[in-house]
């Protein structure tokens, strides 16, 4: 599917984008286009990685549709990961979250459709489900925009009998090790001999590595249908488990945990899929009894489900009821980040 194809990665210098470039740079792709607004990060990425000739960098801002045109020209597939995702910043500047995560996403999708791109994978977040924060609300609206365009595209394809751009959404959990997440914060605090500042030790989060996120995005590209939401059946962990695992790896018995209370917009647990979504979800890409991925067919609904696939119980899929990692399981997952 990817042989001699051209892909665009918006937000391509971020943690996910970097992991995706690393995975694909030695593939049979014709070209990998990294689109981002940070020239310095592009230069650092170019200097720090053994980048092949097929990787090209494009500087631009998704808020400016014109800047996307050259990157999209002749592209086959798009991974849209550019976003404003820092919760405290979005709480302080909610309109900027809307401009980047909602309007910027529409610019990316419109530009890709105009360029004749075959498929777009839109990167969302578990915070889009039952959103409390400005970031989560903007991500939820981002999904609504993407899926509304997918629905319109589907109707146009049926009316004109011509192929259209397919759009599917993936939701990431806590992307371990990425900028703004707690793992690098806790590691730095441990190494500096400081207290680990924990909002609530009982708080749970879905745990995903950048490599796991890449697996999910590529699976969605290969198997997702227009209007689908594709999820990873990811494990979760409490902050208590995470801090204990990190202290065992990097610290000693002198490291203490300081409870500071939740920040504005933070939730006790995150929801990867709502109860209503799980009613029409199916398990795909089986690797165990619970399945490796979850597909939610938003447009077609139940009539678009595959044969012989299990229907989930009518409850939401959240980080409290997901498969919970213990300290050893958390340490094993953390070891994959090294």
C-alpha atoms as a PDB file:
ATOM      1  CA  UNK A   1       0.000   0.000   0.000  1.00  0.00           C
ATOM      2  CA  UNK A   2       2.868   2.387   0.749  1.00  0.00           C
ATOM      3  CA  UNK A   3       5.242   1.364  -2.027  1.00  0.00           C
ATOM      4  CA  UNK A   4       6.203   4.379  -4.148  1.00  0.00           C
ATOM      5  CA  UNK A   5       3.668   6.559  -2.303  1.00  0.00           C
ATOM      6  CA  UNK A   6       4.075  10.034  -0.809  1.00  0.00           C
ATOM      7  CA  UNK A   7       2.885  10.811   2.714  1.00  0.00           C
ATOM      8  CA  UNK A   8       2.531  14.079   4.624  1.00  0.00           C
ATOM      9  CA  UNK A   9       2.890  14.239   8.420  1.00  0.00           C
ATOM     10  CA  UNK A  10       1.605  17.468   9.963  1.00  0.00           C
ATOM     11  CA  UNK A  11       3.196  18.153  13.319  1.00  0.00           C
ATOM     12  CA  UNK A  12       5.913  15.908  11.994  1.00  0.00           C
ATOM     13  CA  UNK A  13       8.626  17.044  14.423  1.00  0.00           C
ATOM     14  CA  UNK A  14       6.632  16.023  17.511  1.00  0.00           C
ATOM     15  CA  UNK A  15       7.017  12.756  19.415  1.00  0.00           C
ATOM     16  CA  UNK A  16       4.556  10.837  17.251  1.00  0.00           C
ATOM     17  CA  UNK A  17       5.774  12.374  13.998  1.00  0.00           C
ATOM     18  CA  UNK A  18       9.393  11.588  14.828  1.00  0.00           C
ATOM     19  CA  UNK A  19       8.512   7.984  15.673  1.00  0.00           C
ATOM     20  CA  UNK A  20       6.555   7.658  12.419  1.00  0.00           C
ATOM     21  CA  UNK A  21       9.437   9.049  10.356  1.00  0.00           C
ATOM     22  CA  UNK A  22      11.822   6.649  12.100  1.00  0.00           C
ATOM     23  CA  UNK A  23       9.547   3.734  11.266  1.00  0.00           C
ATOM     24  CA  UNK A  24       9.056   4.651   7.620  1.00  0.00           C
ATOM     25  CA  UNK A  25      12.290   6.326   6.528  1.00  0.00           C
ATOM     26  CA  UNK A  26      13.787   3.065   5.241  1.00  0.00           C
ATOM     27  CA  UNK A  27      10.548   1.824   3.694  1.00  0.00           C
ATOM     28  CA  UNK A  28       9.629   1.767   0.011  1.00  0.00           C
ATOM     29  CA  UNK A  29       7.838   5.108   0.207  1.00  0.00           C
ATOM     30  CA  UNK A  30       8.587   7.592  -2.538  1.00  0.00           C
ATOM     31  CA  UNK A  31       8.659  10.574  -0.164  1.00  0.00           C
ATOM     32  CA  UNK A  32       7.963  11.510   3.468  1.00  0.00           C
ATOM     33  CA  UNK A  33       6.992  15.157   3.928  1.00  0.00           C
ATOM     34  CA  UNK A  34       7.394  16.568   7.427  1.00  0.00           C
ATOM     35  CA  UNK A  35       5.201  19.645   7.885  1.00  0.00           C
ATOM     36  CA  UNK A  36       5.586  21.814  10.994  1.00  0.00           C
ATOM     37  CA  UNK A  37       5.864  25.444  12.042  1.00  0.00           C
ATOM     38  CA  UNK A  38       9.041  25.076  14.100  1.00  0.00           C
ATOM     39  CA  UNK A  39      12.112  25.491  11.884  1.00  0.00           C
ATOM     40  CA  UNK A  40      14.442  24.848  14.816  1.00  0.00           C
ATOM     41  CA  UNK A  41      12.858  21.463  15.539  1.00  0.00           C
ATOM     42  CA  UNK A  42      13.142  20.579  11.870  1.00  0.00           C
ATOM     43  CA  UNK A  43      16.854  21.403  11.965  1.00  0.00           C
ATOM     44  CA  UNK A  44      17.305  19.371  15.162  1.00  0.00           C
ATOM     45  CA  UNK A  45      15.445  16.441  13.620  1.00  0.00           C
ATOM     46  CA  UNK A  46      17.584  16.643  10.503  1.00  0.00           C
ATOM     47  CA  UNK A  47      20.797  16.788  12.557  1.00  0.00           C
ATOM     48  CA  UNK A  48      19.842  14.156  15.111  1.00  0.00           C
ATOM     49  CA  UNK A  49      18.524  11.476  12.798  1.00  0.00           C
ATOM     50  CA  UNK A  50      20.018   9.597   9.909  1.00  0.00           C
ATOM     51  CA  UNK A  51      17.431  11.061   7.563  1.00  0.00           C
ATOM     52  CA  UNK A  52      17.211   9.514   4.117  1.00  0.00           C
ATOM     53  CA  UNK A  53      16.920  11.494   0.893  1.00  0.00           C
ATOM     54  CA  UNK A  54      13.223  10.692   0.705  1.00  0.00           C
ATOM     55  CA  UNK A  55      12.441  12.854   3.782  1.00  0.00           C
ATOM     56  CA  UNK A  56      11.575  16.488   2.992  1.00  0.00           C
ATOM     57  CA  UNK A  57      10.743  19.306   5.386  1.00  0.00           C
ATOM     58  CA  UNK A  58       8.019  21.917   4.872  1.00  0.00           C
ATOM     59  CA  UNK A  59       7.698  24.918   7.170  1.00  0.00           C
ATOM     60  CA  UNK A  60       4.198  26.254   7.707  1.00  0.00           C
ATOM     61  CA  UNK A  61       1.265  26.693  10.063  1.00  0.00           C
ATOM     62  CA  UNK A  62      -1.984  24.738   9.738  1.00  0.00           C
ATOM     63  CA  UNK A  63      -3.850  27.939  10.649  1.00  0.00           C
ATOM     64  CA  UNK A  64      -2.653  29.231   7.258  1.00  0.00           C
ATOM     65  CA  UNK A  65      -4.203  27.040   4.581  1.00  0.00           C
ATOM     66  CA  UNK A  66      -1.995  28.523   1.870  1.00  0.00           C
ATOM     67  CA  UNK A  67       1.115  27.175   3.602  1.00  0.00           C
ATOM     68  CA  UNK A  68      -0.211  23.619   3.238  1.00  0.00           C
ATOM     69  CA  UNK A  69      -0.564  23.690  -0.546  1.00  0.00           C
ATOM     70  CA  UNK A  70       2.977  22.751  -1.575  1.00  0.00           C
ATOM     71  CA  UNK A  71       3.217  19.978   1.028  1.00  0.00           C
ATOM     72  CA  UNK A  72      -0.055  18.390  -0.135  1.00  0.00           C
ATOM     73  CA  UNK A  73       0.641  18.552  -3.875  1.00  0.00           C
ATOM     74  CA  UNK A  74       0.963  15.025  -5.253  1.00  0.00           C
ATOM     75  CA  UNK A  75       0.593  13.379  -1.825  1.00  0.00           C
ATOM     76  CA  UNK A  76      -1.210  10.061  -1.427  1.00  0.00           C
ATOM     77  CA  UNK A  77      -1.784   9.890   2.339  1.00  0.00           C
ATOM     78  CA  UNK A  78      -1.802  12.352   5.249  1.00  0.00           C
ATOM     79  CA  UNK A  79      -1.221  11.787   8.956  1.00  0.00           C
ATOM     80  CA  UNK A  80      -2.570  14.878  10.705  1.00  0.00           C
ATOM     81  CA  UNK A  81      -0.878  15.177  14.105  1.00  0.00           C
ATOM     82  CA  UNK A  82      -0.334  18.939  14.405  1.00  0.00           C
ATOM     83  CA  UNK A  83      -2.198  20.114  17.490  1.00  0.00           C
ATOM     84  CA  UNK A  84      -2.194  22.231  20.606  1.00  0.00           C
ATOM     85  CA  UNK A  85      -2.310  19.617  23.361  1.00  0.00           C
ATOM     86  CA  UNK A  86      -0.984  21.159  26.581  1.00  0.00           C
ATOM     87  CA  UNK A  87      -3.989  21.272  28.926  1.00  0.00           C
ATOM     88  CA  UNK A  88      -2.911  24.244  31.110  1.00  0.00           C
ATOM     89  CA  UNK A  89      -2.058  26.348  28.049  1.00  0.00           C
ATOM     90  CA  UNK A  90      -5.386  25.519  26.392  1.00  0.00           C
ATOM     91  CA  UNK A  91      -7.214  26.458  29.597  1.00  0.00           C
ATOM     92  CA  UNK A  92      -5.538  29.871  29.500  1.00  0.00           C
ATOM     93  CA  UNK A  93      -5.939  30.362  25.747  1.00  0.00           C
ATOM     94  CA  UNK A  94      -9.008  28.354  24.659  1.00  0.00           C
ATOM     95  CA  UNK A  95      -9.520  30.272  21.427  1.00  0.00           C
ATOM     96  CA  UNK A  96      -6.021  29.338  20.312  1.00  0.00           C
ATOM     97  CA  UNK A  97      -6.939  25.694  20.930  1.00  0.00           C
ATOM     98  CA  UNK A  98      -9.969  26.181  18.672  1.00  0.00           C
ATOM     99  CA  UNK A  99      -7.955  27.952  15.965  1.00  0.00           C
ATOM    100  CA  UNK A 100      -5.316  25.211  15.823  1.00  0.00           C
ATOM    101  CA  UNK A 101      -7.208  22.026  16.679  1.00  0.00           C
ATOM    102  CA  UNK A 102     -10.502  22.808  14.929  1.00  0.00           C
ATOM    103  CA  UNK A 103      -9.948  25.417  12.208  1.00  0.00           C
ATOM    104  CA  UNK A 104      -6.434  24.153  11.511  1.00  0.00           C
ATOM    105  CA  UNK A 105      -7.724  20.611  11.079  1.00  0.00           C
ATOM    106  CA  UNK A 106     -10.344  21.784   8.584  1.00  0.00           C
ATOM    107  CA  UNK A 107      -7.579  23.556   6.651  1.00  0.00           C
ATOM    108  CA  UNK A 108      -5.539  20.349   6.538  1.00  0.00           C
ATOM    109  CA  UNK A 109      -8.484  18.231   5.389  1.00  0.00           C
ATOM    110  CA  UNK A 110      -9.691  20.747   2.795  1.00  0.00           C
ATOM    111  CA  UNK A 111      -6.169  21.155   1.406  1.00  0.00           C
ATOM    112  CA  UNK A 112      -5.691  17.380   1.235  1.00  0.00           C
ATOM    113  CA  UNK A 113      -9.009  16.855  -0.544  1.00  0.00           C
ATOM    114  CA  UNK A 114      -8.209  19.606  -3.058  1.00  0.00           C
ATOM    115  CA  UNK A 115      -4.869  17.882  -3.743  1.00  0.00           C
ATOM    116  CA  UNK A 116      -6.576  14.531  -4.357  1.00  0.00           C
ATOM    117  CA  UNK A 117      -5.143  12.755  -1.302  1.00  0.00           C
ATOM    118  CA  UNK A 118      -6.522   9.225  -0.993  1.00  0.00           C
ATOM    119  CA  UNK A 119      -6.747   8.953   2.791  1.00  0.00           C
ATOM    120  CA  UNK A 120      -6.285  11.105   5.894  1.00  0.00           C
ATOM    121  CA  UNK A 121      -5.619   9.735   9.377  1.00  0.00           C
ATOM    122  CA  UNK A 122      -6.586  12.391  11.931  1.00  0.00           C
ATOM    123  CA  UNK A 123      -4.876  12.060  15.317  1.00  0.00           C
ATOM    124  CA  UNK A 124      -7.192  12.729  18.244  1.00  0.00           C
ATOM    125  CA  UNK A 125      -7.105  12.037  21.971  1.00  0.00           C
ATOM    126  CA  UNK A 126      -8.997  10.165  24.666  1.00  0.00           C
ATOM    127  CA  UNK A 127      -9.646  13.640  26.090  1.00  0.00           C
ATOM    128  CA  UNK A 128     -12.165  14.157  23.278  1.00  0.00           C
ATOM    129  CA  UNK A 129     -14.579  11.788  25.068  1.00  0.00           C
ATOM    130  CA  UNK A 130     -16.774  13.418  27.714  1.00  0.00           C
ATOM    131  CA  UNK A 131     -14.408  16.416  27.520  1.00  0.00           C
ATOM    132  CA  UNK A 132     -13.805  18.611  30.547  1.00  0.00           C
ATOM    133  CA  UNK A 133     -10.780  20.649  29.429  1.00  0.00           C
ATOM    134  CA  UNK A 134     -10.575  23.245  26.673  1.00  0.00           C
ATOM    135  CA  UNK A 135      -8.094  20.962  24.935  1.00  0.00           C
ATOM    136  CA  UNK A 136     -10.527  18.024  25.104  1.00  0.00           C
ATOM    137  CA  UNK A 137     -13.432  20.137  23.867  1.00  0.00           C
ATOM    138  CA  UNK A 138     -11.351  21.369  20.921  1.00  0.00           C
ATOM    139  CA  UNK A 139     -10.347  17.788  20.087  1.00  0.00           C
ATOM    140  CA  UNK A 140     -13.986  16.679  20.268  1.00  0.00           C
ATOM    141  CA  UNK A 141     -14.932  19.452  17.841  1.00  0.00           C
ATOM    142  CA  UNK A 142     -11.979  18.486  15.655  1.00  0.00           C
ATOM    143  CA  UNK A 143     -13.414  14.965  15.409  1.00  0.00           C
ATOM    144  CA  UNK A 144     -16.869  16.351  14.590  1.00  0.00           C
ATOM    145  CA  UNK A 145     -15.410  18.457  11.777  1.00  0.00           C
ATOM    146  CA  UNK A 146     -13.405  15.543  10.346  1.00  0.00           C
ATOM    147  CA  UNK A 147     -16.317  13.105  10.501  1.00  0.00           C
ATOM    148  CA  UNK A 148     -18.774  15.642   9.056  1.00  0.00           C
ATOM    149  CA  UNK A 149     -16.488  16.087   6.052  1.00  0.00           C
ATOM    150  CA  UNK A 150     -16.125  12.293   5.809  1.00  0.00           C
ATOM    151  CA  UNK A 151     -19.920  11.940   5.757  1.00  0.00           C
ATOM    152  CA  UNK A 152     -20.265  14.603   3.069  1.00  0.00           C
ATOM    153  CA  UNK A 153     -17.485  12.954   1.079  1.00  0.00           C
ATOM    154  CA  UNK A 154     -19.270   9.596   1.319  1.00  0.00           C
ATOM    155  CA  UNK A 155     -22.515  11.084   0.038  1.00  0.00           C
ATOM    156  CA  UNK A 156     -20.723  12.821  -2.844  1.00  0.00           C
ATOM    157  CA  UNK A 157     -18.940   9.597  -3.792  1.00  0.00           C
ATOM    158  CA  UNK A 158     -22.252   7.731  -3.975  1.00  0.00           C
ATOM    159  CA  UNK A 159     -23.901  10.514  -5.981  1.00  0.00           C
ATOM    160  CA  UNK A 160     -21.048  10.990  -8.471  1.00  0.00           C
ATOM    161  CA  UNK A 161     -19.793   7.391  -8.469  1.00  0.00           C
ATOM    162  CA  UNK A 162     -16.231   8.700  -8.169  1.00  0.00           C
ATOM    163  CA  UNK A 163     -13.667   7.881  -5.453  1.00  0.00           C
ATOM    164  CA  UNK A 164     -13.235  10.490  -2.737  1.00  0.00           C
ATOM    165  CA  UNK A 165     -10.777  11.124   0.081  1.00  0.00           C
ATOM    166  CA  UNK A 166     -11.319   8.748   3.011  1.00  0.00           C
ATOM    167  CA  UNK A 167     -10.985  10.165   6.522  1.00  0.00           C
ATOM    168  CA  UNK A 168     -10.568   8.189   9.718  1.00  0.00           C
ATOM    169  CA  UNK A 169      -9.755   9.204  13.283  1.00  0.00           C
ATOM    170  CA  UNK A 170      -7.417   7.581  15.801  1.00  0.00           C
ATOM    171  CA  UNK A 171      -7.436   8.381  19.512  1.00  0.00           C
ATOM    172  CA  UNK A 172      -4.221   8.283  21.510  1.00  0.00           C
ATOM    173  CA  UNK A 173      -3.968   7.877  25.258  1.00  0.00           C
ATOM    174  CA  UNK A 174      -1.105   9.302  27.311  1.00  0.00           C
ATOM    175  CA  UNK A 175       1.808   9.252  24.858  1.00  0.00           C
ATOM    176  CA  UNK A 176       4.589   8.302  27.245  1.00  0.00           C
ATOM    177  CA  UNK A 177       7.730  10.390  27.002  1.00  0.00           C
ATOM    178  CA  UNK A 178       6.274  13.081  24.764  1.00  0.00           C
ATOM    179  CA  UNK A 179       6.630  16.772  25.570  1.00  0.00           C
ATOM    180  CA  UNK A 180       4.276  17.966  28.286  1.00  0.00           C
ATOM    181  CA  UNK A 181       3.568  14.511  29.730  1.00  0.00           C
ATOM    182  CA  UNK A 182       4.336  13.350  33.250  1.00  0.00           C
ATOM    183  CA  UNK A 183       7.002  10.702  32.548  1.00  0.00           C
ATOM    184  CA  UNK A 184       9.828  13.144  31.614  1.00  0.00           C
ATOM    185  CA  UNK A 185       8.636  15.485  34.387  1.00  0.00           C
ATOM    186  CA  UNK A 186       8.825  12.740  37.029  1.00  0.00           C
ATOM    187  CA  UNK A 187      12.190  11.457  35.752  1.00  0.00           C
ATOM    188  CA  UNK A 188      13.683  14.962  35.936  1.00  0.00           C
ATOM    189  CA  UNK A 189      12.303  15.436  39.449  1.00  0.00           C
ATOM    190  CA  UNK A 190      13.756  12.092  40.564  1.00  0.00           C
ATOM    191  CA  UNK A 191      17.199  12.848  39.111  1.00  0.00           C
ATOM    192  CA  UNK A 192      17.182  16.299  40.732  1.00  0.00           C
ATOM    193  CA  UNK A 193      16.298  14.794  44.111  1.00  0.00           C
ATOM    194  CA  UNK A 194      13.008  16.685  44.233  1.00  0.00           C
ATOM    195  CA  UNK A 195       9.571  15.535  45.359  1.00  0.00           C
ATOM    196  CA  UNK A 196       7.414  14.016  42.622  1.00  0.00           C
ATOM    197  CA  UNK A 197       4.468  16.388  42.186  1.00  0.00           C
ATOM    198  CA  UNK A 198       1.407  14.174  41.752  1.00  0.00           C
ATOM    199  CA  UNK A 199      -2.061  15.636  41.265  1.00  0.00           C
ATOM    200  CA  UNK A 200      -3.894  12.554  42.568  1.00  0.00           C
ATOM    201  CA  UNK A 201      -2.296   9.095  43.028  1.00  0.00           C
ATOM    202  CA  UNK A 202      -5.599   7.394  42.150  1.00  0.00           C
ATOM    203  CA  UNK A 203      -5.809   9.204  38.811  1.00  0.00           C
ATOM    204  CA  UNK A 204      -5.583   6.731  35.911  1.00  0.00           C
ATOM    205  CA  UNK A 205      -4.442   7.203  32.332  1.00  0.00           C
ATOM    206  CA  UNK A 206      -4.181   5.047  29.212  1.00  0.00           C
ATOM    207  CA  UNK A 207      -0.518   4.297  28.567  1.00  0.00           C
ATOM    208  CA  UNK A 208       0.843   4.287  25.013  1.00  0.00           C
ATOM    209  CA  UNK A 209       4.395   4.463  23.719  1.00  0.00           C
ATOM    210  CA  UNK A 210       5.210   6.414  20.539  1.00  0.00           C
ATOM    211  CA  UNK A 211       5.799   3.079  18.773  1.00  0.00           C
ATOM    212  CA  UNK A 212       2.356   1.856  19.844  1.00  0.00           C
ATOM    213  CA  UNK A 213       0.860   5.081  18.511  1.00  0.00           C
ATOM    214  CA  UNK A 214       2.614   4.515  15.177  1.00  0.00           C
ATOM    215  CA  UNK A 215       1.228   0.964  15.051  1.00  0.00           C
ATOM    216  CA  UNK A 216      -2.277   2.333  15.600  1.00  0.00           C
ATOM    217  CA  UNK A 217      -1.955   5.053  12.958  1.00  0.00           C
ATOM    218  CA  UNK A 218      -0.579   2.652  10.340  1.00  0.00           C
ATOM    219  CA  UNK A 219      -3.293   0.105  11.161  1.00  0.00           C
ATOM    220  CA  UNK A 220      -5.911   2.815  10.646  1.00  0.00           C
ATOM    221  CA  UNK A 221      -4.336   3.758   7.324  1.00  0.00           C
ATOM    222  CA  UNK A 222      -4.371   0.147   6.146  1.00  0.00           C
ATOM    223  CA  UNK A 223      -7.718  -1.003   7.547  1.00  0.00           C
ATOM    224  CA  UNK A 224      -9.815   2.006   8.582  1.00  0.00           C
ATOM    225  CA  UNK A 225     -12.820   2.907   6.456  1.00  0.00           C
ATOM    226  CA  UNK A 226     -14.149   6.367   5.730  1.00  0.00           C
ATOM    227  CA  UNK A 227     -15.704   7.800   8.881  1.00  0.00           C
ATOM    228  CA  UNK A 228     -14.161   5.242  11.240  1.00  0.00           C
ATOM    229  CA  UNK A 229     -12.711   5.905  14.677  1.00  0.00           C
ATOM    230  CA  UNK A 230      -9.932   3.399  15.410  1.00  0.00           C
ATOM    231  CA  UNK A 231      -8.673   2.826  18.955  1.00  0.00           C
ATOM    232  CA  UNK A 232      -5.979   0.746  20.604  1.00  0.00           C
ATOM    233  CA  UNK A 233      -7.175  -1.639  23.302  1.00  0.00           C
ATOM    234  CA  UNK A 234      -4.508  -0.047  25.486  1.00  0.00           C
ATOM    235  CA  UNK A 235      -3.679  -0.766  29.136  1.00  0.00           C
ATOM    236  CA  UNK A 236      -3.956   1.875  31.823  1.00  0.00           C
ATOM    237  CA  UNK A 237      -2.143   2.685  35.051  1.00  0.00           C
ATOM    238  CA  UNK A 238      -2.651   4.859  38.094  1.00  0.00           C
ATOM    239  CA  UNK A 239      -0.255   7.698  38.853  1.00  0.00           C
ATOM    240  CA  UNK A 240       0.613   5.823  42.037  1.00  0.00           C
ATOM    241  CA  UNK A 241       1.768   2.810  39.992  1.00  0.00           C
ATOM    242  CA  UNK A 242       3.637   5.035  37.535  1.00  0.00           C
ATOM    243  CA  UNK A 243       5.557   6.945  40.213  1.00  0.00           C
ATOM    244  CA  UNK A 244       6.484   3.773  42.100  1.00  0.00           C
ATOM    245  CA  UNK A 245       7.749   2.164  38.879  1.00  0.00           C
ATOM    246  CA  UNK A 246       9.815   5.239  37.977  1.00  0.00           C
ATOM    247  CA  UNK A 247      11.316   5.473  41.466  1.00  0.00           C
ATOM    248  CA  UNK A 248      12.324   1.794  41.291  1.00  0.00           C
ATOM    249  CA  UNK A 249      14.020   2.420  37.931  1.00  0.00           C
ATOM    250  CA  UNK A 250      15.621   5.839  38.457  1.00  0.00           C
ATOM    251  CA  UNK A 251      15.428   6.714  42.144  1.00  0.00           C
ATOM    252  CA  UNK A 252      15.846   5.469  45.683  1.00  0.00           C
ATOM    253  CA  UNK A 253      13.965   5.288  48.967  1.00  0.00           C
ATOM    254  CA  UNK A 254      14.595   9.006  49.577  1.00  0.00           C
ATOM    255  CA  UNK A 255      12.301  10.064  46.745  1.00  0.00           C
ATOM    256  CA  UNK A 256       8.954  11.299  48.045  1.00  0.00           C
ATOM    257  CA  UNK A 257       5.605  12.013  46.425  1.00  0.00           C
ATOM    258  CA  UNK A 258       3.898  15.366  46.991  1.00  0.00           C
ATOM    259  CA  UNK A 259       0.144  15.578  46.325  1.00  0.00           C
ATOM    260  CA  UNK A 260      -0.649  18.930  44.692  1.00  0.00           C
ATOM    261  CA  UNK A 261      -4.256  18.406  43.559  1.00  0.00           C
ATOM    262  CA  UNK A 262      -5.678  18.348  40.020  1.00  0.00           C
ATOM    263  CA  UNK A 263      -4.979  21.133  37.564  1.00  0.00           C
ATOM    264  CA  UNK A 264      -7.847  22.966  35.819  1.00  0.00           C
ATOM    265  CA  UNK A 265      -9.362  20.703  33.161  1.00  0.00           C
ATOM    266  CA  UNK A 266      -7.934  17.438  34.546  1.00  0.00           C
ATOM    267  CA  UNK A 267     -10.131  14.386  35.116  1.00  0.00           C
ATOM    268  CA  UNK A 268      -9.793  11.483  37.542  1.00  0.00           C
ATOM    269  CA  UNK A 269      -9.874   9.048  34.623  1.00  0.00           C
ATOM    270  CA  UNK A 270      -9.956   9.300  30.840  1.00  0.00           C
ATOM    271  CA  UNK A 271     -12.491   7.723  28.483  1.00  0.00           C
ATOM    272  CA  UNK A 272     -11.265   6.228  25.219  1.00  0.00           C
ATOM    273  CA  UNK A 273     -14.766   5.495  23.874  1.00  0.00           C
ATOM    274  CA  UNK A 274     -18.192   6.493  25.139  1.00  0.00           C
ATOM    275  CA  UNK A 275     -20.954   4.047  26.047  1.00  0.00           C
ATOM    276  CA  UNK A 276     -22.825   5.040  22.897  1.00  0.00           C
ATOM    277  CA  UNK A 277     -19.751   4.404  20.739  1.00  0.00           C
ATOM    278  CA  UNK A 278     -19.037   1.029  22.339  1.00  0.00           C
ATOM    279  CA  UNK A 279     -22.557  -0.149  21.468  1.00  0.00           C
ATOM    280  CA  UNK A 280     -21.567  -0.151  17.786  1.00  0.00           C
ATOM    281  CA  UNK A 281     -17.869  -0.984  18.199  1.00  0.00           C
ATOM    282  CA  UNK A 282     -16.129  -4.109  17.001  1.00  0.00           C
ATOM    283  CA  UNK A 283     -12.859  -5.796  17.845  1.00  0.00           C
ATOM    284  CA  UNK A 284     -10.400  -6.028  14.947  1.00  0.00           C
ATOM    285  CA  UNK A 285      -6.772  -7.017  14.475  1.00  0.00           C
ATOM    286  CA  UNK A 286      -7.086  -9.806  17.031  1.00  0.00           C
ATOM    287  CA  UNK A 287      -4.038 -10.746  19.093  1.00  0.00           C
ATOM    288  CA  UNK A 288      -5.883 -12.000  22.172  1.00  0.00           C
ATOM    289  CA  UNK A 289      -9.424 -12.554  23.428  1.00  0.00           C
ATOM    290  CA  UNK A 290     -10.074  -8.842  23.875  1.00  0.00           C
ATOM    291  CA  UNK A 291      -8.713  -7.811  20.467  1.00  0.00           C
ATOM    292  CA  UNK A 292      -5.867  -5.499  19.610  1.00  0.00           C
ATOM    293  CA  UNK A 293      -7.860  -2.625  18.120  1.00  0.00           C
ATOM    294  CA  UNK A 294     -11.395  -1.295  18.357  1.00  0.00           C
ATOM    295  CA  UNK A 295     -13.255   0.048  15.333  1.00  0.00           C
ATOM    296  CA  UNK A 296     -16.190   2.422  15.707  1.00  0.00           C
ATOM    297  CA  UNK A 297     -18.015   2.898  12.371  1.00  0.00           C
ATOM    298  CA  UNK A 298     -19.427   6.386  12.854  1.00  0.00           C
ATOM    299  CA  UNK A 299     -21.029   6.888   9.442  1.00  0.00           C
ATOM    300  CA  UNK A 300     -22.312   3.485   8.439  1.00  0.00           C
ATOM    301  CA  UNK A 301     -23.143   2.226  11.927  1.00  0.00           C
ATOM    302  CA  UNK A 302     -23.845  -1.402  12.654  1.00  0.00           C
ATOM    303  CA  UNK A 303     -24.614  -2.347   9.042  1.00  0.00           C
ATOM    304  CA  UNK A 304     -20.944  -1.670   8.220  1.00  0.00           C
ATOM    305  CA  UNK A 305     -19.637  -4.117  10.819  1.00  0.00           C
ATOM    306  CA  UNK A 306     -17.590  -7.133   9.777  1.00  0.00           C
ATOM    307  CA  UNK A 307     -18.879 -10.676  10.128  1.00  0.00           C
ATOM    308  CA  UNK A 308     -18.140 -12.765  13.225  1.00  0.00           C
ATOM    309  CA  UNK A 309     -16.905  -9.913  15.399  1.00  0.00           C
ATOM    310  CA  UNK A 310     -17.820  -9.521  19.041  1.00  0.00           C
ATOM    311  CA  UNK A 311     -20.054  -6.660  20.129  1.00  0.00           C
ATOM    312  CA  UNK A 312     -18.847  -4.968  23.301  1.00  0.00           C
ATOM    313  CA  UNK A 313     -20.871  -4.636  26.480  1.00  0.00           C
ATOM    314  CA  UNK A 314     -22.815  -1.360  26.790  1.00  0.00           C
ATOM    315  CA  UNK A 315     -20.385   0.594  28.953  1.00  0.00           C
ATOM    316  CA  UNK A 316     -17.763   3.174  28.163  1.00  0.00           C
ATOM    317  CA  UNK A 317     -14.122   2.139  27.752  1.00  0.00           C
ATOM    318  CA  UNK A 318     -12.159   4.145  30.285  1.00  0.00           C
ATOM    319  CA  UNK A 319      -8.862   4.066  32.141  1.00  0.00           C
ATOM    320  CA  UNK A 320     -10.572   2.813  35.316  1.00  0.00           C
ATOM    321  CA  UNK A 321     -12.131  -0.282  33.698  1.00  0.00           C
ATOM    322  CA  UNK A 322      -9.322  -1.030  31.204  1.00  0.00           C
ATOM    323  CA  UNK A 323      -6.661  -3.663  31.767  1.00  0.00           C
ATOM    324  CA  UNK A 324      -4.610  -2.144  34.599  1.00  0.00           C
ATOM    325  CA  UNK A 325      -0.819  -2.387  34.697  1.00  0.00           C
ATOM    326  CA  UNK A 326       0.912  -3.283  37.958  1.00  0.00           C
ATOM    327  CA  UNK A 327       4.350  -1.932  38.907  1.00  0.00           C
ATOM    328  CA  UNK A 328       6.245  -4.673  37.055  1.00  0.00           C
ATOM    329  CA  UNK A 329       4.087  -4.251  33.960  1.00  0.00           C
ATOM    330  CA  UNK A 330       4.642  -0.507  34.098  1.00  0.00           C
ATOM    331  CA  UNK A 331       8.411  -0.967  34.403  1.00  0.00           C
ATOM    332  CA  UNK A 332       8.387  -3.287  31.404  1.00  0.00           C
ATOM    333  CA  UNK A 333       6.479  -0.721  29.333  1.00  0.00           C
ATOM    334  CA  UNK A 334       8.817   2.075  30.441  1.00  0.00           C
ATOM    335  CA  UNK A 335      11.824  -0.021  29.411  1.00  0.00           C
ATOM    336  CA  UNK A 336      10.647   0.132  25.785  1.00  0.00           C
ATOM    337  CA  UNK A 337      11.135   3.915  25.807  1.00  0.00           C
ATOM    338  CA  UNK A 338      14.890   3.635  26.325  1.00  0.00           C
END
